[in-house]
């Protein structure tokens, strides 16, 4: 999943959480 890649690249999981929320909103 792309979310896992972002989580590994970015230390703060905040970005991943926002991304997940954005995808779920769509």
PDB file of N, CA and C in Angstrom:
ATOM      1  N   UNK A   1       0.841  -1.200   0.000  1.00  0.00           N
ATOM      2  CA  UNK A   1       0.000   0.000   0.000  1.00  0.00           C
ATOM      3  C   UNK A   1       0.876   1.249   0.000  1.00  0.00           C
ATOM      4  N   UNK A   2       0.355   2.318  -0.557  1.00  0.00           N
ATOM      5  CA  UNK A   2       1.133   3.565  -0.601  1.00  0.00           C
ATOM      6  C   UNK A   2       1.287   4.136   0.809  1.00  0.00           C
ATOM      7  N   UNK A   3       0.265   3.933   1.634  1.00  0.00           N
ATOM      8  CA  UNK A   3       0.308   4.489   2.994  1.00  0.00           C
ATOM      9  C   UNK A   3       1.499   3.931   3.763  1.00  0.00           C
ATOM     10  N   UNK A   4       1.763   2.640   3.590  1.00  0.00           N
ATOM     11  CA  UNK A   4       2.891   2.022   4.303  1.00  0.00           C
ATOM     12  C   UNK A   4       4.199   2.636   3.833  1.00  0.00           C
ATOM     13  N   UNK A   5       4.315   2.893   2.545  1.00  0.00           N
ATOM     14  CA  UNK A   5       5.554   3.480   2.022  1.00  0.00           C
ATOM     15  C   UNK A   5       5.755   4.872   2.602  1.00  0.00           C
ATOM     16  N   UNK A   6       4.697   5.644   2.667  1.00  0.00           N
ATOM     17  CA  UNK A   6       4.799   7.004   3.209  1.00  0.00           C
ATOM     18  C   UNK A   6       5.185   6.937   4.688  1.00  0.00           C
ATOM     19  N   UNK A   7       4.603   5.983   5.404  1.00  0.00           N
ATOM     20  CA  UNK A   7       4.898   5.863   6.832  1.00  0.00           C
ATOM     21  C   UNK A   7       6.378   5.546   7.034  1.00  0.00           C
ATOM     22  N   UNK A   8       6.920   4.671   6.207  1.00  0.00           N
ATOM     23  CA  UNK A   8       8.332   4.297   6.348  1.00  0.00           C
ATOM     24  C   UNK A   8       9.232   5.467   5.968  1.00  0.00           C
ATOM     25  N   UNK A   9       8.855   6.209   4.942  1.00  0.00           N
ATOM     26  CA  UNK A   9       9.682   7.339   4.500  1.00  0.00           C
ATOM     27  C   UNK A   9       9.587   8.489   5.494  1.00  0.00           C
ATOM     28  N   UNK A  10       8.364   8.806   5.929  1.00  0.00           N
ATOM     29  CA  UNK A  10       8.173   9.924   6.860  1.00  0.00           C
ATOM     30  C   UNK A  10       8.118   9.393   8.287  1.00  0.00           C
ATOM     31  N   UNK A  11       8.897   9.987   9.145  1.00  0.00           N
ATOM     32  CA  UNK A  11       8.891   9.543  10.548  1.00  0.00           C
ATOM     33  C   UNK A  11       7.555   9.870  11.210  1.00  0.00           C
ATOM     34  N   UNK A  12       7.063  11.095  11.082  1.00  0.00           N
ATOM     35  CA  UNK A  12       5.776  11.443  11.699  1.00  0.00           C
ATOM     36  C   UNK A  12       4.613  10.745  10.997  1.00  0.00           C
ATOM     37  N   UNK A  13       3.849  10.007  11.760  1.00  0.00           N
ATOM     38  CA  UNK A  13       2.704   9.296  11.174  1.00  0.00           C
ATOM     39  C   UNK A  13       1.554  10.258  10.889  1.00  0.00           C
ATOM     40  N   UNK A  14       1.728  11.523  11.250  1.00  0.00           N
ATOM     41  CA  UNK A  14       0.666  12.514  11.020  1.00  0.00           C
ATOM     42  C   UNK A  14       0.337  12.603   9.531  1.00  0.00           C
ATOM     43  N   UNK A  15       1.378  12.632   8.702  1.00  0.00           N
ATOM     44  CA  UNK A  15       1.160  12.727   7.255  1.00  0.00           C
ATOM     45  C   UNK A  15       0.360  11.528   6.765  1.00  0.00           C
ATOM     46  N   UNK A  16       0.709  10.356   7.256  1.00  0.00           N
ATOM     47  CA  UNK A  16       0.003   9.147   6.828  1.00  0.00           C
ATOM     48  C   UNK A  16      -1.453   9.191   7.270  1.00  0.00           C
ATOM     49  N   UNK A  17      -1.678   9.677   8.484  1.00  0.00           N
ATOM     50  CA  UNK A  17      -3.043   9.738   8.994  1.00  0.00           C
ATOM     51  C   UNK A  17      -3.880  10.674   8.131  1.00  0.00           C
ATOM     52  N   UNK A  18      -3.323  11.832   7.800  1.00  0.00           N
ATOM     53  CA  UNK A  18      -4.044  12.805   6.971  1.00  0.00           C
ATOM     54  C   UNK A  18      -4.321  12.199   5.600  1.00  0.00           C
ATOM     55  N   UNK A  19      -3.336  11.507   5.049  1.00  0.00           N
ATOM     56  CA  UNK A  19      -3.509  10.901   3.727  1.00  0.00           C
ATOM     57  C   UNK A  19      -4.614   9.853   3.765  1.00  0.00           C
ATOM     58  N   UNK A  20      -4.594   9.030   4.799  1.00  0.00           N
ATOM     59  CA  UNK A  20      -5.619   7.986   4.932  1.00  0.00           C
ATOM     60  C   UNK A  20      -7.002   8.632   5.040  1.00  0.00           C
ATOM     61  N   UNK A  21      -7.096   9.653   5.847  1.00  0.00           N
ATOM     62  CA  UNK A  21      -8.390  10.330   6.028  1.00  0.00           C
ATOM     63  C   UNK A  21      -8.861  10.925   4.699  1.00  0.00           C
ATOM     64  N   UNK A  22      -7.923  11.475   3.945  1.00  0.00           N
ATOM     65  CA  UNK A  22      -8.276  12.086   2.665  1.00  0.00           C
ATOM     66  C   UNK A  22      -8.823  11.026   1.707  1.00  0.00           C
ATOM     67  N   UNK A  23      -8.170   9.884   1.683  1.00  0.00           N
ATOM     68  CA  UNK A  23      -8.603   8.801   0.783  1.00  0.00           C
ATOM     69  C   UNK A  23      -9.968   8.278   1.212  1.00  0.00           C
ATOM     70  N   UNK A  24     -10.158   8.155   2.520  1.00  0.00           N
ATOM     71  CA  UNK A  24     -11.441   7.635   3.015  1.00  0.00           C
ATOM     72  C   UNK A  24     -12.562   8.630   2.719  1.00  0.00           C
ATOM     73  N   UNK A  25     -12.228   9.920   2.756  1.00  0.00           N
ATOM     74  CA  UNK A  25     -13.251  10.950   2.502  1.00  0.00           C
ATOM     75  C   UNK A  25     -13.758  10.855   1.071  1.00  0.00           C
ATOM     76  N   UNK A  26     -12.897  10.538   0.139  1.00  0.00           N
ATOM     77  CA  UNK A  26     -13.284  10.507  -1.271  1.00  0.00           C
ATOM     78  C   UNK A  26     -14.289   9.373  -1.490  1.00  0.00           C
TER      79      UNK A  26
END
